[in-house]
């Protein structure tokens, strides 16, 4: 397995958790799953920005590909902002579901673009073997940042 394949698997897991959050009927379950999603995606985004994106951006030759990479990073920042907005809102607040819905839309858009346009471009700038090599440091960074965020959110 390589990073690009692993990324799609992680996205599928994130989508599953988002569905579970939307279906949850009590605030306690909703909040617990939300915190899991927040910590996981925080770790995922930080690991991408530390391990994956710099290497891809260094190998890029076309300006439009560099812009796409920068857009991915900005979408991470937008998602983290909205995560914080939802986190600071009580799950019993009447606006919680609307705020979470906005977050979900941002994340779904980002994941779709990352799995299509970004992955297509990434496959052209680095060899497949390099993505295999990057998987281990990506996973190590992901776990480190995920655990940091979990501690912060508790």
Foldseek 3Di string as FASTA:
>chain_A
DFQLVVLVVVLVVLVVLLVVLVPDDDQVSNLVSLLLSLLLLQLLLVLCVVQPLVVLLVLDDDPVLNVLSVVLNVLSVVLNVLSVVLLVDRSPDPCNVVSSVVSVVSSVVSSVCCSPVVVVSSCVRDPRVVRRVRPVSSVVSSVVSSVVSSVVSD
